[in-house]
N, C-alpha and C. Protein backbone atom coordinates (compact mmCIF):
# COMPACT_ATOMS: atom_id res chain seq x y z
N MET A 1 0.86 -1.17 0.02
CA MET A 1 -0.05 0.02 0.00
C MET A 1 0.87 1.25 0.01
N GLN A 2 0.63 2.13 -0.91
CA GLN A 2 1.39 3.39 -0.99
C GLN A 2 0.54 4.56 -0.63
N TYR A 3 1.13 5.44 0.18
CA TYR A 3 0.39 6.65 0.50
C TYR A 3 1.28 7.85 0.42
N ASN A 4 0.73 8.99 0.39
CA ASN A 4 1.49 10.26 0.28
C ASN A 4 1.76 10.70 1.71
N ALA A 5 3.03 10.62 2.14
CA ALA A 5 3.37 11.13 3.48
C ALA A 5 3.40 12.61 3.51
N ARG A 6 2.99 13.15 4.67
CA ARG A 6 3.00 14.61 4.85
C ARG A 6 4.49 15.05 4.77
N PRO A 7 4.80 16.10 4.02
CA PRO A 7 6.21 16.52 3.91
C PRO A 7 6.65 17.11 5.24
N MET A 8 7.91 16.88 5.58
CA MET A 8 8.50 17.51 6.80
C MET A 8 9.70 18.27 6.32
N LYS A 9 9.59 19.58 6.53
CA LYS A 9 10.73 20.40 6.12
C LYS A 9 11.52 20.83 7.30
N ILE A 10 12.85 21.01 7.10
CA ILE A 10 13.73 21.47 8.19
C ILE A 10 14.57 22.69 7.72
N CYS A 11 14.96 23.40 8.71
CA CYS A 11 15.93 24.47 8.54
C CYS A 11 17.23 24.05 9.21
N LEU A 12 18.28 23.89 8.36
CA LEU A 12 19.61 23.45 8.89
C LEU A 12 20.53 24.64 8.88
N VAL A 13 21.06 24.89 10.03
CA VAL A 13 21.99 26.01 10.25
C VAL A 13 23.23 25.60 10.99
N SER A 14 24.24 26.41 10.92
CA SER A 14 25.47 26.18 11.74
C SER A 14 26.27 27.44 11.83
N ASP A 15 27.19 27.46 12.69
CA ASP A 15 28.18 28.56 12.88
C ASP A 15 27.58 29.89 12.89
N SER A 16 26.60 30.02 13.85
CA SER A 16 25.96 31.38 14.01
C SER A 16 26.79 32.35 14.77
N HIS A 17 27.74 31.83 15.63
CA HIS A 17 28.70 32.72 16.27
C HIS A 17 28.05 34.00 16.86
N ASP A 18 26.98 33.91 17.55
CA ASP A 18 26.25 35.00 18.20
C ASP A 18 25.61 35.98 17.24
N HIS A 19 25.51 35.70 16.00
CA HIS A 19 24.84 36.63 15.10
C HIS A 19 23.33 36.32 15.09
N ARG A 20 22.71 36.94 16.02
CA ARG A 20 21.27 36.75 16.26
C ARG A 20 20.43 37.16 15.08
N ARG A 21 20.67 38.26 14.45
CA ARG A 21 19.84 38.79 13.38
C ARG A 21 19.96 37.86 12.23
N LEU A 22 21.08 37.42 11.81
CA LEU A 22 21.25 36.57 10.67
C LEU A 22 20.60 35.20 10.91
N LEU A 23 20.81 34.68 12.16
CA LEU A 23 20.14 33.41 12.44
C LEU A 23 18.63 33.54 12.42
N ALA A 24 18.10 34.58 13.00
CA ALA A 24 16.67 34.83 12.97
C ALA A 24 16.13 34.98 11.57
N SER A 25 16.88 35.65 10.73
CA SER A 25 16.42 35.85 9.32
C SER A 25 16.36 34.52 8.60
N ALA A 26 17.36 33.64 8.78
CA ALA A 26 17.39 32.34 8.15
C ALA A 26 16.22 31.51 8.64
N VAL A 27 16.01 31.43 9.93
CA VAL A 27 14.92 30.58 10.49
C VAL A 27 13.60 31.11 10.06
N ASP A 28 13.42 32.44 10.12
CA ASP A 28 12.17 33.06 9.62
C ASP A 28 11.86 32.75 8.19
N ASP A 29 12.90 32.86 7.36
CA ASP A 29 12.78 32.56 5.92
C ASP A 29 12.36 31.11 5.73
N ALA A 30 13.02 30.20 6.46
CA ALA A 30 12.72 28.78 6.36
C ALA A 30 11.36 28.43 6.85
N ARG A 31 10.96 29.11 7.95
CA ARG A 31 9.59 28.91 8.54
C ARG A 31 8.54 29.37 7.52
N ARG A 32 8.76 30.42 6.79
CA ARG A 32 7.83 30.96 5.79
C ARG A 32 7.78 29.96 4.60
N GLN A 33 8.81 29.15 4.39
CA GLN A 33 8.79 28.14 3.39
C GLN A 33 8.34 26.77 3.84
N GLY A 34 7.86 26.72 5.07
CA GLY A 34 7.22 25.51 5.61
C GLY A 34 8.11 24.69 6.57
N ALA A 35 9.28 25.14 6.96
CA ALA A 35 10.08 24.41 7.94
C ALA A 35 9.35 24.21 9.20
N GLN A 36 9.47 23.03 9.72
CA GLN A 36 8.82 22.65 10.99
C GLN A 36 9.81 22.36 12.15
N ALA A 37 11.11 22.39 11.88
CA ALA A 37 12.11 22.15 12.92
C ALA A 37 13.42 22.86 12.47
N VAL A 38 14.19 23.19 13.46
CA VAL A 38 15.52 23.79 13.26
C VAL A 38 16.61 22.80 13.78
N LEU A 39 17.62 22.55 12.98
CA LEU A 39 18.75 21.74 13.40
C LEU A 39 19.93 22.65 13.34
N HIS A 40 20.68 22.80 14.44
CA HIS A 40 21.89 23.68 14.54
C HIS A 40 23.06 22.85 14.76
N CYS A 41 24.06 22.93 13.78
CA CYS A 41 25.22 22.01 13.81
C CYS A 41 26.40 22.61 14.54
N GLY A 42 26.19 23.49 15.54
CA GLY A 42 27.24 23.91 16.35
C GLY A 42 27.80 25.30 16.15
N ASP A 43 28.62 25.71 17.05
CA ASP A 43 29.19 27.07 17.13
C ASP A 43 28.07 28.15 17.21
N LEU A 44 27.14 27.77 18.11
CA LEU A 44 26.10 28.76 18.52
C LEU A 44 26.84 29.87 19.34
N VAL A 45 27.77 29.43 20.17
CA VAL A 45 28.53 30.23 21.13
C VAL A 45 27.64 30.62 22.31
N ALA A 46 27.15 31.83 22.39
CA ALA A 46 26.31 32.26 23.52
C ALA A 46 24.97 31.66 23.41
N PRO A 47 24.54 30.81 24.42
CA PRO A 47 23.23 30.21 24.33
C PRO A 47 22.09 31.23 24.18
N SER A 48 22.23 32.40 24.70
CA SER A 48 21.18 33.45 24.55
C SER A 48 20.93 33.79 23.12
N THR A 49 21.83 33.41 22.19
CA THR A 49 21.54 33.61 20.78
C THR A 49 20.21 32.91 20.35
N LEU A 50 19.90 31.77 21.07
CA LEU A 50 18.69 31.03 20.70
C LEU A 50 17.43 31.85 20.92
N HIS A 51 17.48 32.86 21.82
CA HIS A 51 16.28 33.63 22.07
C HIS A 51 15.81 34.33 20.78
N ALA A 52 16.74 34.55 19.86
CA ALA A 52 16.32 35.21 18.57
C ALA A 52 15.43 34.33 17.73
N ILE A 53 15.43 33.01 17.98
CA ILE A 53 14.66 32.04 17.14
C ILE A 53 13.58 31.29 17.88
N THR A 54 13.65 31.30 19.22
CA THR A 54 12.58 30.53 19.93
C THR A 54 11.23 31.17 19.72
N LYS A 55 11.19 32.47 19.43
CA LYS A 55 9.92 33.22 19.18
C LYS A 55 9.16 32.65 17.98
N PHE A 56 9.81 31.88 17.13
CA PHE A 56 9.12 31.31 15.97
C PHE A 56 8.34 30.03 16.35
N GLY A 57 8.59 29.50 17.53
CA GLY A 57 7.80 28.37 17.98
C GLY A 57 8.22 27.03 17.36
N LEU A 58 9.31 26.95 16.65
CA LEU A 58 9.71 25.65 16.08
C LEU A 58 10.62 24.90 17.04
N PRO A 59 10.50 23.52 17.03
CA PRO A 59 11.47 22.75 17.78
C PRO A 59 12.88 23.02 17.31
N ILE A 60 13.83 23.13 18.23
CA ILE A 60 15.19 23.49 17.93
C ILE A 60 16.08 22.36 18.49
N HIS A 61 16.87 21.69 17.64
CA HIS A 61 17.82 20.70 18.00
C HIS A 61 19.19 21.23 17.83
N VAL A 62 19.99 21.25 18.91
CA VAL A 62 21.30 21.92 18.85
C VAL A 62 22.40 21.12 19.48
N ILE A 63 23.57 21.15 18.86
CA ILE A 63 24.76 20.58 19.43
C ILE A 63 25.77 21.70 19.63
N HIS A 64 26.84 21.49 20.34
CA HIS A 64 27.86 22.53 20.38
C HIS A 64 29.01 22.23 19.44
N GLY A 65 29.80 23.15 19.12
CA GLY A 65 30.92 22.95 18.22
C GLY A 65 32.21 23.11 18.92
N ASN A 66 33.21 23.65 18.26
CA ASN A 66 34.48 23.97 18.93
C ASN A 66 34.47 25.27 19.69
N ASN A 67 33.51 26.12 19.44
CA ASN A 67 33.28 27.37 20.18
C ASN A 67 32.06 27.10 21.03
N THR A 68 32.35 26.48 22.21
CA THR A 68 31.24 25.92 22.99
C THR A 68 30.45 26.96 23.76
N GLY A 69 30.97 28.02 24.15
CA GLY A 69 30.24 28.97 24.96
C GLY A 69 29.89 28.41 26.34
N ASP A 70 28.84 28.81 26.90
CA ASP A 70 28.44 28.47 28.25
C ASP A 70 27.53 27.24 28.23
N LEU A 71 28.11 26.02 28.31
CA LEU A 71 27.36 24.77 28.15
C LEU A 71 26.36 24.58 29.32
N PHE A 72 26.70 25.13 30.52
CA PHE A 72 25.78 25.01 31.62
C PHE A 72 24.52 25.80 31.34
N TYR A 73 24.66 27.05 30.84
CA TYR A 73 23.50 27.85 30.53
C TYR A 73 22.67 27.20 29.30
N LEU A 74 23.45 26.67 28.34
CA LEU A 74 22.78 26.03 27.22
C LEU A 74 21.89 24.88 27.75
N SER A 75 22.40 24.05 28.61
CA SER A 75 21.70 22.95 29.18
C SER A 75 20.43 23.46 30.00
N ARG A 76 20.68 24.51 30.71
CA ARG A 76 19.55 25.12 31.50
C ARG A 76 18.46 25.75 30.63
N LEU A 77 18.95 26.44 29.57
CA LEU A 77 17.97 27.05 28.60
C LEU A 77 17.16 25.93 27.96
N ALA A 78 17.75 24.79 27.58
CA ALA A 78 17.00 23.73 26.92
C ALA A 78 15.99 23.12 27.94
N HIS A 79 16.43 22.97 29.19
CA HIS A 79 15.54 22.43 30.19
C HIS A 79 14.35 23.34 30.48
N GLU A 80 14.58 24.61 30.53
CA GLU A 80 13.56 25.57 30.82
C GLU A 80 12.62 25.85 29.58
N SER A 81 13.02 25.37 28.42
CA SER A 81 12.24 25.63 27.16
C SER A 81 11.05 24.70 27.11
N LYS A 82 10.92 23.79 28.07
CA LYS A 82 9.72 22.83 28.08
C LYS A 82 9.65 22.06 26.78
N GLY A 83 10.85 21.64 26.26
CA GLY A 83 10.89 20.77 25.05
C GLY A 83 11.09 21.47 23.72
N GLN A 84 11.04 22.76 23.70
CA GLN A 84 11.23 23.48 22.40
C GLN A 84 12.73 23.35 21.97
N VAL A 85 13.61 23.47 22.93
CA VAL A 85 15.02 23.37 22.60
C VAL A 85 15.54 22.07 23.15
N THR A 86 16.21 21.25 22.32
CA THR A 86 16.85 20.05 22.76
C THR A 86 18.41 20.15 22.51
N TYR A 87 19.13 20.12 23.60
CA TYR A 87 20.54 20.23 23.53
C TYR A 87 21.19 18.80 23.68
N TYR A 88 21.97 18.35 22.78
CA TYR A 88 22.46 16.98 22.79
C TYR A 88 23.89 16.82 23.28
N GLY A 89 24.69 17.86 23.26
CA GLY A 89 26.11 17.80 23.59
C GLY A 89 26.88 17.90 22.28
N GLN A 90 28.00 17.14 22.15
CA GLN A 90 28.82 17.28 20.94
C GLN A 90 28.32 16.67 19.69
N ASP A 91 27.33 15.75 19.78
CA ASP A 91 26.76 15.16 18.61
C ASP A 91 25.36 14.64 18.95
N ALA A 92 24.57 14.34 17.96
CA ALA A 92 23.18 13.94 18.16
C ALA A 92 22.80 12.90 17.14
N THR A 93 21.89 11.99 17.57
CA THR A 93 21.21 11.09 16.65
C THR A 93 19.74 11.33 16.96
N LEU A 94 18.99 11.66 15.90
CA LEU A 94 17.57 11.89 16.07
C LEU A 94 16.81 11.35 14.85
N THR A 95 15.55 11.14 15.01
CA THR A 95 14.77 10.70 13.89
C THR A 95 13.63 11.71 13.68
N LEU A 96 13.48 12.14 12.49
CA LEU A 96 12.40 13.07 12.10
C LEU A 96 11.91 12.59 10.75
N ALA A 97 10.59 12.53 10.60
CA ALA A 97 9.91 12.12 9.42
C ALA A 97 10.43 10.75 9.01
N GLY A 98 10.70 9.86 10.00
CA GLY A 98 11.16 8.54 9.69
C GLY A 98 12.63 8.43 9.17
N LYS A 99 13.31 9.52 9.15
CA LYS A 99 14.75 9.59 8.67
C LYS A 99 15.64 9.64 9.89
N LYS A 100 16.66 8.80 9.89
CA LYS A 100 17.63 8.80 11.00
C LYS A 100 18.72 9.83 10.59
N ILE A 101 18.92 10.76 11.50
CA ILE A 101 19.78 11.89 11.28
C ILE A 101 20.90 11.93 12.31
N PHE A 102 22.11 12.27 11.82
CA PHE A 102 23.29 12.43 12.74
C PHE A 102 23.82 13.91 12.62
N LEU A 103 23.91 14.58 13.75
CA LEU A 103 24.46 15.92 13.73
C LEU A 103 25.79 15.94 14.44
N VAL A 104 26.76 16.60 13.88
CA VAL A 104 28.08 16.83 14.54
C VAL A 104 28.60 18.09 13.96
N HIS A 105 29.62 18.67 14.61
CA HIS A 105 30.18 19.96 14.08
C HIS A 105 31.24 19.65 13.07
N TYR A 106 31.98 18.67 13.26
CA TYR A 106 33.28 18.54 12.40
C TYR A 106 33.03 17.68 11.14
N PRO A 107 33.51 18.15 10.04
CA PRO A 107 33.26 17.44 8.73
C PRO A 107 33.91 16.05 8.68
N HIS A 108 35.15 15.91 9.26
CA HIS A 108 35.79 14.55 9.20
C HIS A 108 35.00 13.57 9.97
N TYR A 109 34.42 13.96 11.05
CA TYR A 109 33.53 13.09 11.88
C TYR A 109 32.22 12.72 11.12
N ALA A 110 31.72 13.75 10.46
CA ALA A 110 30.48 13.58 9.70
C ALA A 110 30.68 12.59 8.50
N LYS A 111 31.83 12.75 7.84
CA LYS A 111 32.12 11.86 6.67
C LYS A 111 32.31 10.39 7.17
N ALA A 112 32.95 10.22 8.33
CA ALA A 112 33.11 8.91 8.84
C ALA A 112 31.77 8.30 9.24
N MET A 113 30.92 9.08 9.86
CA MET A 113 29.63 8.53 10.26
C MET A 113 28.73 8.26 9.07
N ALA A 114 28.84 9.12 8.01
CA ALA A 114 28.15 8.81 6.79
C ALA A 114 28.57 7.56 6.11
N ALA A 115 29.90 7.25 6.19
CA ALA A 115 30.43 6.04 5.59
C ALA A 115 29.95 4.75 6.28
N THR A 116 29.38 4.86 7.49
CA THR A 116 28.83 3.66 8.17
C THR A 116 27.56 3.15 7.48
N GLY A 117 26.85 3.98 6.83
CA GLY A 117 25.64 3.61 6.21
C GLY A 117 24.40 3.50 7.23
N ASN A 118 24.65 3.95 8.46
CA ASN A 118 23.66 3.75 9.50
C ASN A 118 22.72 4.94 9.62
N TYR A 119 22.84 5.93 8.74
CA TYR A 119 22.01 7.16 8.75
C TYR A 119 21.55 7.50 7.39
N ASP A 120 20.40 8.12 7.38
CA ASP A 120 19.79 8.64 6.12
C ASP A 120 20.46 9.95 5.74
N LEU A 121 20.87 10.67 6.76
CA LEU A 121 21.39 12.02 6.58
C LEU A 121 22.38 12.38 7.70
N VAL A 122 23.52 12.90 7.31
CA VAL A 122 24.55 13.31 8.28
C VAL A 122 24.76 14.80 8.03
N CYS A 123 24.76 15.63 9.10
CA CYS A 123 24.88 17.06 8.96
C CYS A 123 26.02 17.55 9.79
N ASN A 124 26.78 18.54 9.31
CA ASN A 124 27.88 19.06 10.00
C ASN A 124 28.02 20.58 9.69
N GLY A 125 28.92 21.27 10.43
CA GLY A 125 29.21 22.62 10.19
C GLY A 125 30.72 22.74 10.13
N HIS A 126 31.28 23.84 10.70
CA HIS A 126 32.69 24.09 10.90
C HIS A 126 33.44 24.62 9.72
N GLU A 127 33.11 24.15 8.50
CA GLU A 127 33.90 24.58 7.30
C GLU A 127 33.53 25.98 6.81
N HIS A 128 32.40 26.47 7.20
CA HIS A 128 31.90 27.76 6.76
C HIS A 128 31.74 27.80 5.22
N LYS A 129 31.55 26.61 4.63
CA LYS A 129 31.26 26.50 3.17
C LYS A 129 30.13 25.52 3.02
N ALA A 130 29.05 26.00 2.44
CA ALA A 130 27.85 25.17 2.24
C ALA A 130 28.09 24.10 1.20
N ARG A 131 27.61 22.89 1.53
CA ARG A 131 27.70 21.85 0.50
C ARG A 131 26.71 20.75 0.81
N ILE A 132 26.34 20.09 -0.28
CA ILE A 132 25.46 18.93 -0.22
C ILE A 132 26.18 17.86 -1.06
N GLU A 133 26.52 16.70 -0.39
CA GLU A 133 27.22 15.68 -1.11
C GLU A 133 26.85 14.31 -0.72
N GLN A 134 27.01 13.38 -1.65
CA GLN A 134 26.80 11.94 -1.37
C GLN A 134 28.13 11.29 -0.94
N ILE A 135 28.11 10.62 0.17
CA ILE A 135 29.28 9.88 0.70
C ILE A 135 29.06 8.39 0.51
N PRO A 136 29.94 7.68 -0.22
CA PRO A 136 29.79 6.26 -0.38
C PRO A 136 29.88 5.57 1.03
N ASN A 137 29.05 4.59 1.27
CA ASN A 137 29.05 3.93 2.62
C ASN A 137 29.38 2.47 2.43
N VAL A 138 29.71 1.84 3.65
CA VAL A 138 30.14 0.42 3.60
C VAL A 138 29.02 -0.54 3.23
N LYS A 139 27.77 -0.08 3.27
CA LYS A 139 26.66 -0.98 2.90
C LYS A 139 26.39 -0.99 1.41
N GLY A 140 27.27 -0.33 0.56
CA GLY A 140 27.11 -0.31 -0.85
C GLY A 140 26.27 0.77 -1.39
N GLY A 141 25.84 1.71 -0.53
CA GLY A 141 25.02 2.82 -1.05
C GLY A 141 25.70 4.10 -0.79
N ASN A 142 24.96 5.13 -0.70
CA ASN A 142 25.42 6.52 -0.42
C ASN A 142 24.67 7.10 0.76
N THR A 143 25.30 7.96 1.49
CA THR A 143 24.64 8.67 2.54
C THR A 143 24.79 10.15 2.24
N LEU A 144 23.72 10.91 2.39
CA LEU A 144 23.74 12.32 2.13
C LEU A 144 24.42 13.09 3.27
N ARG A 145 25.44 13.92 2.98
CA ARG A 145 26.07 14.77 3.96
C ARG A 145 25.74 16.23 3.57
N LEU A 146 25.31 16.98 4.62
CA LEU A 146 24.99 18.40 4.41
C LEU A 146 25.79 19.28 5.30
N ASP A 147 26.28 20.33 4.79
CA ASP A 147 26.91 21.38 5.60
C ASP A 147 26.27 22.68 5.18
N PRO A 148 25.48 23.32 6.05
CA PRO A 148 24.81 24.55 5.65
C PRO A 148 25.63 25.77 5.52
N GLY A 149 26.94 25.67 5.79
CA GLY A 149 27.83 26.86 5.74
C GLY A 149 27.70 27.63 7.02
N THR A 150 27.96 28.87 6.97
CA THR A 150 27.94 29.76 8.16
C THR A 150 26.69 30.67 8.05
N VAL A 151 25.76 30.55 8.94
CA VAL A 151 24.58 31.46 8.92
C VAL A 151 25.00 32.82 9.28
N ALA A 152 26.16 32.98 9.95
CA ALA A 152 26.71 34.27 10.30
C ALA A 152 27.46 35.00 9.21
N GLY A 153 27.79 34.25 8.18
CA GLY A 153 28.49 34.85 7.04
C GLY A 153 29.95 35.11 7.33
N ILE A 154 30.54 34.32 8.15
CA ILE A 154 31.97 34.54 8.58
C ILE A 154 32.83 33.82 7.51
N GLY A 155 33.59 34.58 6.67
CA GLY A 155 34.44 34.01 5.72
C GLY A 155 33.75 33.67 4.38
N SER A 156 32.48 33.65 4.36
CA SER A 156 31.71 33.42 3.16
C SER A 156 30.29 34.02 3.37
N LYS A 157 29.53 34.09 2.36
CA LYS A 157 28.17 34.71 2.47
C LYS A 157 27.33 33.85 3.44
N PRO A 158 26.40 34.54 4.19
CA PRO A 158 25.52 33.77 5.08
C PRO A 158 24.52 32.81 4.37
N THR A 159 24.57 31.57 4.77
CA THR A 159 23.74 30.54 4.10
C THR A 159 23.14 29.61 5.14
N TYR A 160 22.12 28.92 4.69
CA TYR A 160 21.47 27.83 5.49
C TYR A 160 20.93 26.86 4.45
N ILE A 161 20.49 25.68 4.94
CA ILE A 161 19.89 24.66 4.03
C ILE A 161 18.40 24.50 4.42
N LEU A 162 17.57 24.59 3.44
CA LEU A 162 16.17 24.25 3.62
C LEU A 162 15.95 22.82 2.95
N GLY A 163 15.41 21.94 3.80
CA GLY A 163 15.30 20.57 3.28
C GLY A 163 13.92 19.93 3.51
N ASP A 164 13.55 19.07 2.65
CA ASP A 164 12.33 18.28 2.76
C ASP A 164 12.77 16.87 3.08
N LEU A 165 12.58 16.43 4.33
CA LEU A 165 13.02 15.07 4.75
C LEU A 165 12.17 13.97 4.08
N THR A 166 10.95 14.23 3.80
CA THR A 166 10.07 13.23 3.19
C THR A 166 10.58 12.92 1.77
N ALA A 167 10.92 13.97 1.02
CA ALA A 167 11.35 13.78 -0.38
C ALA A 167 12.90 13.64 -0.45
N MET A 168 13.55 13.94 0.67
CA MET A 168 15.07 13.95 0.74
C MET A 168 15.57 14.90 -0.33
N GLN A 169 15.03 16.10 -0.35
CA GLN A 169 15.51 17.17 -1.29
C GLN A 169 15.92 18.29 -0.41
N PHE A 170 17.11 18.87 -0.75
CA PHE A 170 17.72 19.89 0.05
C PHE A 170 18.29 20.97 -0.86
N GLU A 171 18.23 22.26 -0.43
CA GLU A 171 18.79 23.31 -1.17
C GLU A 171 19.51 24.37 -0.27
N ILE A 172 20.66 24.79 -0.78
CA ILE A 172 21.42 25.79 -0.09
C ILE A 172 20.75 27.14 -0.38
N ARG A 173 20.44 27.92 0.67
CA ARG A 173 19.79 29.22 0.48
C ARG A 173 20.61 30.31 1.09
N ASP A 174 20.57 31.43 0.44
CA ASP A 174 21.20 32.60 1.05
C ASP A 174 20.31 33.12 2.18
N VAL A 175 20.88 33.61 3.20
CA VAL A 175 20.17 34.21 4.28
C VAL A 175 19.64 35.57 3.75
N PRO A 176 18.30 35.81 3.84
CA PRO A 176 17.74 37.11 3.40
C PRO A 176 18.40 38.26 4.25
N LEU A 177 18.89 39.28 3.62
CA LEU A 177 19.59 40.37 4.31
C LEU A 177 18.77 41.64 4.23
N ASP A 178 17.62 41.65 3.53
CA ASP A 178 16.86 42.91 3.27
C ASP A 178 16.46 43.63 4.57
N ASP A 179 15.91 42.86 5.50
CA ASP A 179 15.31 43.54 6.76
C ASP A 179 16.20 43.42 7.95
N ILE A 180 17.51 43.30 7.79
CA ILE A 180 18.38 43.06 8.90
C ILE A 180 19.06 44.38 9.26
N PRO A 181 18.65 44.95 10.36
CA PRO A 181 19.35 46.21 10.75
C PRO A 181 20.64 45.91 11.61
N ALA A 182 21.56 45.26 10.91
CA ALA A 182 22.81 44.86 11.59
C ALA A 182 23.71 46.06 11.89
N SER A 183 24.46 45.91 12.84
CA SER A 183 25.41 46.92 13.26
C SER A 183 26.56 46.92 12.26
N GLU A 184 27.32 47.96 12.22
CA GLU A 184 28.40 48.06 11.26
C GLU A 184 29.42 46.92 11.41
N PRO A 185 29.81 46.55 12.70
CA PRO A 185 30.75 45.42 12.81
C PRO A 185 30.17 44.12 12.24
N GLU A 186 28.85 43.91 12.48
CA GLU A 186 28.22 42.71 12.00
C GLU A 186 28.20 42.69 10.42
N ARG A 187 27.88 43.79 9.90
CA ARG A 187 27.89 43.94 8.41
C ARG A 187 29.26 43.66 7.86
N LYS A 188 30.28 44.18 8.44
CA LYS A 188 31.64 44.08 7.92
C LYS A 188 32.09 42.60 8.04
N GLN A 189 31.83 41.95 9.19
CA GLN A 189 32.21 40.54 9.38
C GLN A 189 31.43 39.66 8.39
N ALA A 190 30.17 39.94 8.13
CA ALA A 190 29.38 39.11 7.23
C ALA A 190 29.62 39.50 5.79
N GLY A 191 30.41 40.48 5.51
CA GLY A 191 30.67 40.85 4.15
C GLY A 191 29.54 41.55 3.43
N ILE A 192 28.63 42.23 4.22
CA ILE A 192 27.46 42.87 3.68
C ILE A 192 27.75 44.41 3.53
């Protein structure tokens, strides 16, 4: 029996490095496109950065990266969010729309986990360069690896990935900059 599964869209971000306005712009854009959850692949830095996106009401799944920030406060913020924010630590395994997903900050770790063939999708950050690629796995297939780039625009333009887990279709999107009243240092750092 075949049926049409309800699409599940996600907003995949990483390396926000305290840039609240850019993170909020990406999540808001994804939400307007139908995203139902946010996955953050690390380098959030200050946990208070999440306040810029909790207002959208989407579930947020977050790990830390190499710029950990205040992990005690991040744990507390997740606990006090009553389930809206889930903090996993250095990596995460979760299932959304029937897809097994692995989140980690480092690309070498992501490639290794993709090569196991145990996940439908492996996501990482750290490189500050957005990419979507197939990684050959030991089970004879391929595993999709996603890196959304840097939502903060550090070293490259600000990007995120909008994905449909049901169809397993993903696209790299530029963070909308039209309505962002960023400060001059933020604009300079993001190359705007």
